Amino acid sequence: MGATSYINSARLKRPPTLPTYTAWVSGGGDAKLLIGEPDLEEESDEGVGGDEAVWDEVVEVFMVGLRMRQGLSIHDLKARFPAAFIDRALLALRPHQDRGLVETTKGGRVRLTTPDGFLFSNTVLVSLFE
């Protein structure tokens, strides 16, 4: 209940309460009903120039991607977003890399270390918001 995902720039949300979740499952679990509504904050970003919206998406991708063992491909990130945004995110992660919580692989992926990086993942990820 209440689980979320972020796939292809779309926030997917399961029903948040037991009655609504049960009704959703009983109704066949239609995936179309998982598409979340945009947040009011996101709506207000429209027309501001886009930088804040791009940064928010970069942060979202890092938050989800770093929680996966394979992490994120720096090359793919720079192909998807302006390099300056990715450099900014990597710079924010640098102190955690120095502490052994984040690593960059020889293959050019950034990821949390096992087990410490995953144990302190919230500490690492909050640095992207500062």
Foldseek 3Di string as FASTA:
>chain_A
DQDWDADPNFIFTQDDDPVRNVVCVVVPVPRVVRTDDDDPVLVVCPPVPCPVVLLVVVLVCQLVQQLDAQRAALVVVVVVGPNVSVVLLVVLQVVVVVVQQWDQDPRRGIYGDPPNVVVCVVVRSVSSVD
